[in-house]
Amino acid sequence: MNTSIVWMIIGMGIVTYVPRMLPFVALSGVRLPAFLQGVLKNVPYATLGALIIPGIFTINEDIWFGIIGAGVAFAVAYLGANVIFVVLSAILALSAYSYFF
């Protein structure tokens, strides 16, 4: 393997690790206000939504394909099903939609 590739991998690892490590070390003894803790608890959900929602509308030329798949997945997840059942139910619903329409 070329040494420049190895150095590039090491550099990318450092660039990825440092921004994650700095807040952990710098804020380890700091008590954040309750409002800020509430905001930070919602960041993963907001990020997940920002990643998933555009894909729902652009997965297929037929916009209903994504809407139906997301609707079924959200409904099954709301009922408390395991993740694998959520995915399988969405696949089954989209397979039925593709077959009949």
Protein backbone atom coordinates (compact mmCIF):
# COMPACT_ATOMS: atom_id res chain seq x y z
CA MET A 1 0.00 0.00 0.00
CA ASN A 2 1.22 3.47 -0.84
CA THR A 3 2.44 5.45 2.20
CA SER A 4 0.52 8.54 1.12
CA ILE A 5 -2.72 6.56 1.40
CA VAL A 6 -1.79 5.41 4.90
CA TRP A 7 -1.05 9.00 5.96
CA MET A 8 -4.32 10.12 4.40
CA ILE A 9 -6.24 7.51 6.41
CA ILE A 10 -4.46 8.56 9.61
CA GLY A 11 -5.21 12.23 8.88
CA MET A 12 -8.89 11.52 8.23
CA GLY A 13 -9.06 9.58 11.47
CA ILE A 14 -7.59 12.50 13.42
CA VAL A 15 -9.87 15.02 11.71
CA THR A 16 -12.87 12.84 12.57
CA TYR A 17 -11.82 12.10 16.15
CA VAL A 18 -10.78 15.56 17.36
CA PRO A 19 -14.16 17.35 16.91
CA ARG A 20 -15.86 14.52 18.77
CA MET A 21 -13.32 14.37 21.56
CA LEU A 22 -12.96 18.11 22.27
CA PRO A 23 -16.51 18.78 23.54
CA PHE A 24 -16.35 15.62 25.64
CA VAL A 25 -13.13 16.72 27.33
CA ALA A 26 -13.89 20.45 27.49
CA LEU A 27 -17.42 20.07 28.86
CA SER A 28 -16.87 17.08 31.14
CA GLY A 29 -17.17 19.11 34.36
CA VAL A 30 -19.69 21.69 33.13
CA ARG A 31 -23.35 21.43 34.11
CA LEU A 32 -25.47 22.64 31.19
CA PRO A 33 -28.78 24.47 31.76
CA ALA A 34 -31.93 22.34 31.57
CA PHE A 35 -33.09 24.12 28.40
CA LEU A 36 -29.84 23.38 26.58
CA GLN A 37 -29.94 19.74 27.73
CA GLY A 38 -33.46 19.46 26.31
CA VAL A 39 -32.32 20.91 22.99
CA LEU A 40 -29.32 18.58 22.79
CA LYS A 41 -31.49 15.55 23.52
CA ASN A 42 -33.51 16.30 20.36
CA VAL A 43 -30.51 16.70 18.04
CA PRO A 44 -30.35 13.00 17.03
CA TYR A 45 -34.03 13.01 16.05
CA ALA A 46 -33.68 16.22 14.06
CA THR A 47 -30.60 14.89 12.28
CA LEU A 48 -32.32 11.61 11.47
CA GLY A 49 -35.30 13.49 10.09
CA ALA A 50 -33.07 15.70 7.96
CA LEU A 51 -31.45 12.60 6.49
CA ILE A 52 -34.61 10.56 5.91
CA ILE A 53 -37.26 13.06 4.77
CA PRO A 54 -35.56 14.10 1.48
CA GLY A 55 -35.08 10.42 0.62
CA ILE A 56 -38.78 9.75 1.07
CA PHE A 57 -39.69 12.18 -1.69
CA THR A 58 -36.87 11.29 -4.08
CA ILE A 59 -36.74 7.49 -3.82
CA ASN A 60 -38.88 6.93 -6.90
CA GLU A 61 -40.48 8.95 -9.69
CA ASP A 62 -43.87 8.20 -8.11
CA ILE A 63 -43.98 10.37 -4.97
CA TRP A 64 -46.61 8.09 -3.40
CA PHE A 65 -44.07 5.27 -3.32
CA GLY A 66 -42.01 7.05 -0.67
CA ILE A 67 -45.00 8.44 1.19
CA ILE A 68 -46.66 5.04 1.52
CA GLY A 69 -43.42 3.36 2.62
CA ALA A 70 -42.74 6.04 5.22
CA GLY A 71 -46.34 6.01 6.42
CA VAL A 72 -46.34 2.27 6.95
CA ALA A 73 -42.94 2.36 8.65
CA PHE A 74 -43.99 5.21 10.96
CA ALA A 75 -47.27 3.47 11.84
CA VAL A 76 -45.63 0.14 12.64
CA ALA A 77 -42.87 1.86 14.61
CA TYR A 78 -45.48 3.84 16.56
CA LEU A 79 -47.13 0.56 17.55
CA GLY A 80 -43.83 -0.42 19.16
CA ALA A 81 -42.64 -3.09 16.75
CA ASN A 82 -39.02 -4.17 16.48
CA VAL A 83 -36.91 -2.41 13.85
CA ILE A 84 -36.77 -5.47 11.62
CA PHE A 85 -40.57 -5.64 11.56
CA VAL A 86 -40.75 -1.95 10.70
CA VAL A 87 -38.43 -2.45 7.73
CA LEU A 88 -40.14 -5.65 6.59
CA SER A 89 -43.60 -4.08 6.80
CA ALA A 90 -42.48 -1.14 4.68
CA ILE A 91 -40.93 -3.51 2.13
CA LEU A 92 -44.10 -5.61 2.04
CA ALA A 93 -46.31 -2.54 1.62
CA LEU A 94 -44.16 -1.17 -1.20
CA SER A 95 -44.02 -4.57 -2.88
CA ALA A 96 -47.84 -4.72 -2.81
CA TYR A 97 -48.06 -1.14 -4.10
CA SER A 98 -45.66 -1.92 -6.95
CA TYR A 99 -47.56 -5.09 -7.84
CA PHE A 100 -51.02 -3.52 -7.92
CA PHE A 101 -50.10 -0.10 -9.31
